[in-house]
Amino acid sequence: MFSFLKKKIMSFDVGTELLKIIGEFSKVSTKALQELSEVTGRERLSNEILYLNIFAADVAVSLALGNSRAKEAVREVFHKHLVQMSEKYTSATALYDQILDRLEAYDKAIRFPPKPLGEGYPIKQAVGETFAELCGMEGNALVIWQGSFIFHGTYGSVLKFVQSVRIV
């Protein structure tokens, strides 16, 4: 789409919208995830899904906006919102540090996957494997698939949204 036809939106509003998208995808509730929560604990699973969604949004913004001021502005607002969200639930640094640790773990998974990325081993597979590991279910095919599915859905939605607007 021509950029002059896109709706203009402020970077603050994009960062805020990312939280809404993440919130919707964090509510994903399937039978498989409910069964998994019985093994891992509901709170731990909810947190891991949240961290995975934050990572997916972060990657989508980076891909959609490349090395631009808009990307840096959106990410800055997004991370400020994450700090504010963290303050509501626990000490800001504790939860935000946990978020940053998870972003690093997922980033490492796609930069240095256990198998070479290529046909038959997409990025979402590497992310799914890391999700399963962080849930304490390393190697569990169903958990890997769920993590891949969650990543793919959030990533796709954020990418579509960011590409549909012109950030001013």
C-alpha atoms as a PDB file:
ATOM      1  CA  MET A   1       0.000   0.000   0.000  1.00  0.00           C
ATOM      2  CA  PHE A   2       1.244   3.495  -0.735  1.00  0.00           C
ATOM      3  CA  SER A   3       2.488   5.118   2.458  1.00  0.00           C
ATOM      4  CA  PHE A   4       0.606   8.353   1.770  1.00  0.00           C
ATOM      5  CA  LEU A   5      -2.667   6.385   1.893  1.00  0.00           C
ATOM      6  CA  LYS A   6      -1.922   4.835   5.263  1.00  0.00           C
ATOM      7  CA  LYS A   7      -3.482   6.165   8.429  1.00  0.00           C
ATOM      8  CA  LYS A   8      -1.058   8.417  10.315  1.00  0.00           C
ATOM      9  CA  ILE A   9      -0.484   7.386  13.900  1.00  0.00           C
ATOM     10  CA  MET A  10       1.853   8.603  16.650  1.00  0.00           C
ATOM     11  CA  SER A  11       4.563   6.274  17.963  1.00  0.00           C
ATOM     12  CA  PHE A  12       3.001   6.546  21.437  1.00  0.00           C
ATOM     13  CA  ASP A  13      -0.274   5.198  20.064  1.00  0.00           C
ATOM     14  CA  VAL A  14       1.507   2.351  18.271  1.00  0.00           C
ATOM     15  CA  GLY A  15       3.291   1.364  21.497  1.00  0.00           C
ATOM     16  CA  THR A  16      -0.026   1.449  23.347  1.00  0.00           C
ATOM     17  CA  GLU A  17      -1.756  -0.615  20.667  1.00  0.00           C
ATOM     18  CA  LEU A  18       0.967  -3.251  20.963  1.00  0.00           C
ATOM     19  CA  LEU A  19      -0.040  -3.796  24.587  1.00  0.00           C
ATOM     20  CA  LYS A  20      -3.653  -4.345  23.510  1.00  0.00           C
ATOM     21  CA  ILE A  21      -2.609  -6.895  20.888  1.00  0.00           C
ATOM     22  CA  ILE A  22      -0.431  -8.711  23.405  1.00  0.00           C
ATOM     23  CA  GLY A  23      -3.279  -8.698  25.902  1.00  0.00           C
ATOM     24  CA  GLU A  24      -5.598 -10.363  23.410  1.00  0.00           C
ATOM     25  CA  PHE A  25      -3.091 -13.030  22.458  1.00  0.00           C
ATOM     26  CA  SER A  26      -2.180 -13.659  26.107  1.00  0.00           C
ATOM     27  CA  LYS A  27      -5.764 -14.811  26.649  1.00  0.00           C
ATOM     28  CA  VAL A  28      -5.226 -17.753  24.318  1.00  0.00           C
ATOM     29  CA  SER A  29      -6.900 -20.672  26.015  1.00  0.00           C
ATOM     30  CA  THR A  30      -6.911 -24.038  24.364  1.00  0.00           C
ATOM     31  CA  LYS A  31      -7.412 -27.450  25.846  1.00  0.00           C
ATOM     32  CA  ALA A  32      -3.712 -28.153  25.326  1.00  0.00           C
ATOM     33  CA  LEU A  33      -2.706 -25.017  27.228  1.00  0.00           C
ATOM     34  CA  GLN A  34      -5.134 -25.797  30.039  1.00  0.00           C
ATOM     35  CA  GLU A  35      -3.606 -29.246  30.381  1.00  0.00           C
ATOM     36  CA  LEU A  36      -0.142 -27.719  30.295  1.00  0.00           C
ATOM     37  CA  SER A  37      -1.064 -25.273  33.052  1.00  0.00           C
ATOM     38  CA  GLU A  38      -1.863 -28.228  35.294  1.00  0.00           C
ATOM     39  CA  VAL A  39       1.728 -29.391  34.879  1.00  0.00           C
ATOM     40  CA  THR A  40       3.577 -26.063  34.911  1.00  0.00           C
ATOM     41  CA  GLY A  41       1.220 -24.008  37.052  1.00  0.00           C
ATOM     42  CA  ARG A  42      -1.236 -21.460  35.704  1.00  0.00           C
ATOM     43  CA  GLU A  43       0.745 -18.390  36.786  1.00  0.00           C
ATOM     44  CA  ARG A  44       4.018 -19.629  35.317  1.00  0.00           C
ATOM     45  CA  LEU A  45       2.343 -20.519  32.023  1.00  0.00           C
ATOM     46  CA  SER A  46       0.542 -17.158  31.869  1.00  0.00           C
ATOM     47  CA  ASN A  47       3.825 -15.354  32.452  1.00  0.00           C
ATOM     48  CA  GLU A  48       5.628 -17.387  29.801  1.00  0.00           C
ATOM     49  CA  ILE A  49       2.876 -16.673  27.267  1.00  0.00           C
ATOM     50  CA  LEU A  50       3.087 -12.967  28.108  1.00  0.00           C
ATOM     51  CA  TYR A  51       6.878 -12.959  27.652  1.00  0.00           C
ATOM     52  CA  LEU A  52       6.550 -14.824  24.357  1.00  0.00           C
ATOM     53  CA  ASN A  53       3.982 -12.323  23.096  1.00  0.00           C
ATOM     54  CA  ILE A  54       6.198  -9.394  24.080  1.00  0.00           C
ATOM     55  CA  PHE A  55       9.062 -10.964  22.152  1.00  0.00           C
ATOM     56  CA  ALA A  56       6.874 -11.587  19.100  1.00  0.00           C
ATOM     57  CA  ALA A  57       5.715  -7.954  19.116  1.00  0.00           C
ATOM     58  CA  ASP A  58       9.281  -6.705  19.513  1.00  0.00           C
ATOM     59  CA  VAL A  59      10.511  -8.798  16.576  1.00  0.00           C
ATOM     60  CA  ALA A  60       7.588  -7.741  14.360  1.00  0.00           C
ATOM     61  CA  VAL A  61       8.193  -4.043  15.072  1.00  0.00           C
ATOM     62  CA  SER A  62      11.893  -4.448  14.309  1.00  0.00           C
ATOM     63  CA  LEU A  63      11.202  -6.241  11.037  1.00  0.00           C
ATOM     64  CA  ALA A  64       8.459  -3.872   9.903  1.00  0.00           C
ATOM     65  CA  LEU A  65      10.314  -0.661  10.703  1.00  0.00           C
ATOM     66  CA  GLY A  66      13.943  -1.676  10.140  1.00  0.00           C
ATOM     67  CA  ASN A  67      16.619   0.731  11.327  1.00  0.00           C
ATOM     68  CA  SER A  68      14.491   3.819  11.642  1.00  0.00           C
ATOM     69  CA  ARG A  69      13.633   6.505  14.143  1.00  0.00           C
ATOM     70  CA  ALA A  70      10.064   5.220  14.117  1.00  0.00           C
ATOM     71  CA  LYS A  71      11.222   1.792  15.302  1.00  0.00           C
ATOM     72  CA  GLU A  72      13.231   3.289  18.142  1.00  0.00           C
ATOM     73  CA  ALA A  73      10.337   5.570  19.148  1.00  0.00           C
ATOM     74  CA  VAL A  74       7.791   2.737  19.121  1.00  0.00           C
ATOM     75  CA  ARG A  75      10.082   0.389  21.066  1.00  0.00           C
ATOM     76  CA  GLU A  76      10.836   3.105  23.616  1.00  0.00           C
ATOM     77  CA  VAL A  77       7.131   3.705  24.240  1.00  0.00           C
ATOM     78  CA  PHE A  78       6.420  -0.025  24.288  1.00  0.00           C
ATOM     79  CA  HIS A  79       9.126  -0.685  26.874  1.00  0.00           C
ATOM     80  CA  LYS A  80       7.977   2.270  29.012  1.00  0.00           C
ATOM     81  CA  HIS A  81       4.515   0.695  29.034  1.00  0.00           C
ATOM     82  CA  LEU A  82       6.069  -2.620  30.062  1.00  0.00           C
ATOM     83  CA  VAL A  83       7.816  -0.942  32.997  1.00  0.00           C
ATOM     84  CA  GLN A  84       4.540   0.720  34.036  1.00  0.00           C
ATOM     85  CA  MET A  85       2.714  -2.600  33.729  1.00  0.00           C
ATOM     86  CA  SER A  86       5.423  -4.234  35.835  1.00  0.00           C
ATOM     87  CA  GLU A  87       4.940  -1.669  38.593  1.00  0.00           C
ATOM     88  CA  LYS A  88       1.291  -2.665  38.938  1.00  0.00           C
ATOM     89  CA  TYR A  89       2.041  -6.308  39.684  1.00  0.00           C
ATOM     90  CA  THR A  90       5.350  -6.379  41.513  1.00  0.00           C
ATOM     91  CA  SER A  91       8.478  -4.318  41.891  1.00  0.00           C
ATOM     92  CA  ALA A  92       9.084  -2.744  38.509  1.00  0.00           C
ATOM     93  CA  THR A  93      12.643  -3.938  38.174  1.00  0.00           C
ATOM     94  CA  ALA A  94      11.901  -7.552  39.112  1.00  0.00           C
ATOM     95  CA  LEU A  95       9.224  -8.191  36.460  1.00  0.00           C
ATOM     96  CA  TYR A  96      10.830  -5.966  33.846  1.00  0.00           C
ATOM     97  CA  ASP A  97      14.165  -7.732  34.391  1.00  0.00           C
ATOM     98  CA  GLN A  98      12.344 -11.042  33.917  1.00  0.00           C
ATOM     99  CA  ILE A  99      10.873  -9.707  30.661  1.00  0.00           C
ATOM    100  CA  LEU A 100      14.333  -8.659  29.459  1.00  0.00           C
ATOM    101  CA  ASP A 101      15.763 -12.069  30.405  1.00  0.00           C
ATOM    102  CA  ARG A 102      13.070 -13.783  28.337  1.00  0.00           C
ATOM    103  CA  LEU A 103      13.609 -11.430  25.390  1.00  0.00           C
ATOM    104  CA  GLU A 104      17.281 -12.363  25.513  1.00  0.00           C
ATOM    105  CA  ALA A 105      16.518 -16.103  25.688  1.00  0.00           C
ATOM    106  CA  TYR A 106      14.180 -15.960  22.684  1.00  0.00           C
ATOM    107  CA  ASP A 107      16.562 -13.711  20.766  1.00  0.00           C
ATOM    108  CA  LYS A 108      19.359 -16.226  21.370  1.00  0.00           C
ATOM    109  CA  ALA A 109      17.069 -19.018  20.122  1.00  0.00           C
ATOM    110  CA  ILE A 110      16.587 -17.366  16.743  1.00  0.00           C
ATOM    111  CA  ARG A 111      20.143 -16.113  16.388  1.00  0.00           C
ATOM    112  CA  PHE A 112      21.823 -19.375  17.443  1.00  0.00           C
ATOM    113  CA  PRO A 113      19.289 -22.161  16.928  1.00  0.00           C
ATOM    114  CA  PRO A 114      20.241 -25.700  17.925  1.00  0.00           C
ATOM    115  CA  LYS A 115      19.764 -26.737  14.301  1.00  0.00           C
ATOM    116  CA  PRO A 116      20.575 -24.608  11.269  1.00  0.00           C
ATOM    117  CA  LEU A 117      17.608 -22.531  10.197  1.00  0.00           C
ATOM    118  CA  GLY A 118      16.419 -23.576   6.832  1.00  0.00           C
ATOM    119  CA  GLU A 119      13.653 -25.420   5.116  1.00  0.00           C
ATOM    120  CA  GLY A 120      11.813 -27.520   7.645  1.00  0.00           C
ATOM    121  CA  TYR A 121      13.182 -25.601  10.642  1.00  0.00           C
ATOM    122  CA  PRO A 122      11.645 -22.134  10.740  1.00  0.00           C
ATOM    123  CA  ILE A 123      12.247 -19.447  13.337  1.00  0.00           C
ATOM    124  CA  LYS A 124       8.917 -20.232  14.989  1.00  0.00           C
ATOM    125  CA  GLN A 125      10.211 -23.762  15.673  1.00  0.00           C
ATOM    126  CA  ALA A 126      13.272 -22.370  17.478  1.00  0.00           C
ATOM    127  CA  VAL A 127      11.020 -20.053  19.476  1.00  0.00           C
ATOM    128  CA  GLY A 128       8.619 -22.904  20.286  1.00  0.00           C
ATOM    129  CA  GLU A 129      11.480 -25.047  21.553  1.00  0.00           C
ATOM    130  CA  THR A 130      12.655 -22.225  23.813  1.00  0.00           C
ATOM    131  CA  PHE A 131       9.087 -21.679  25.046  1.00  0.00           C
ATOM    132  CA  ALA A 132       8.833 -25.350  25.997  1.00  0.00           C
ATOM    133  CA  GLU A 133      12.162 -25.202  27.779  1.00  0.00           C
ATOM    134  CA  LEU A 134      11.157 -22.078  29.733  1.00  0.00           C
ATOM    135  CA  CYS A 135       7.887 -23.782  30.705  1.00  0.00           C
ATOM    136  CA  GLY A 136       9.884 -26.692  32.110  1.00  0.00           C
ATOM    137  CA  MET A 137       8.654 -28.999  29.344  1.00  0.00           C
ATOM    138  CA  GLU A 138      11.761 -29.224  27.164  1.00  0.00           C
ATOM    139  CA  GLY A 139      11.304 -31.476  24.147  1.00  0.00           C
ATOM    140  CA  ASN A 140       7.521 -31.783  24.567  1.00  0.00           C
ATOM    141  CA  ALA A 141       6.221 -31.607  20.976  1.00  0.00           C
ATOM    142  CA  LEU A 142       2.797 -30.280  21.991  1.00  0.00           C
ATOM    143  CA  VAL A 143       4.282 -27.456  24.059  1.00  0.00           C
ATOM    144  CA  ILE A 144       6.742 -26.625  21.269  1.00  0.00           C
ATOM    145  CA  TRP A 145       3.846 -26.467  18.815  1.00  0.00           C
ATOM    146  CA  GLN A 146       1.802 -24.250  21.152  1.00  0.00           C
ATOM    147  CA  GLY A 147       4.742 -21.885  21.602  1.00  0.00           C
ATOM    148  CA  SER A 148       5.259 -21.745  17.833  1.00  0.00           C
ATOM    149  CA  PHE A 149       1.559 -21.106  17.307  1.00  0.00           C
ATOM    150  CA  ILE A 150       1.442 -18.301  19.888  1.00  0.00           C
ATOM    151  CA  PHE A 151       4.568 -16.652  18.468  1.00  0.00           C
ATOM    152  CA  HIS A 152       3.318 -16.888  14.907  1.00  0.00           C
ATOM    153  CA  GLY A 153      -0.111 -15.431  15.740  1.00  0.00           C
ATOM    154  CA  THR A 154       1.159 -12.464  17.731  1.00  0.00           C
ATOM    155  CA  TYR A 155       4.003 -11.769  15.325  1.00  0.00           C
ATOM    156  CA  GLY A 156       1.656 -11.813  12.330  1.00  0.00           C
ATOM    157  CA  SER A 157      -0.925  -9.547  13.961  1.00  0.00           C
ATOM    158  CA  VAL A 158       1.631  -6.979  15.100  1.00  0.00           C
ATOM    159  CA  LEU A 159       3.409  -7.022  11.740  1.00  0.00           C
ATOM    160  CA  LYS A 160       0.131  -6.505   9.877  1.00  0.00           C
ATOM    161  CA  PHE A 161      -0.850  -3.648  12.195  1.00  0.00           C
ATOM    162  CA  VAL A 162       2.504  -1.843  12.014  1.00  0.00           C
ATOM    163  CA  GLN A 163       2.636  -2.188   8.223  1.00  0.00           C
ATOM    164  CA  SER A 164      -0.879  -0.771   7.910  1.00  0.00           C
ATOM    165  CA  VAL A 165      -0.066   2.601   9.474  1.00  0.00           C
ATOM    166  CA  ARG A 166       2.347   5.451   8.879  1.00  0.00           C
ATOM    167  CA  ILE A 167       4.100   6.370  12.092  1.00  0.00           C
ATOM    168  CA  VAL A 168       4.649  10.078  12.624  1.00  0.00           C
END
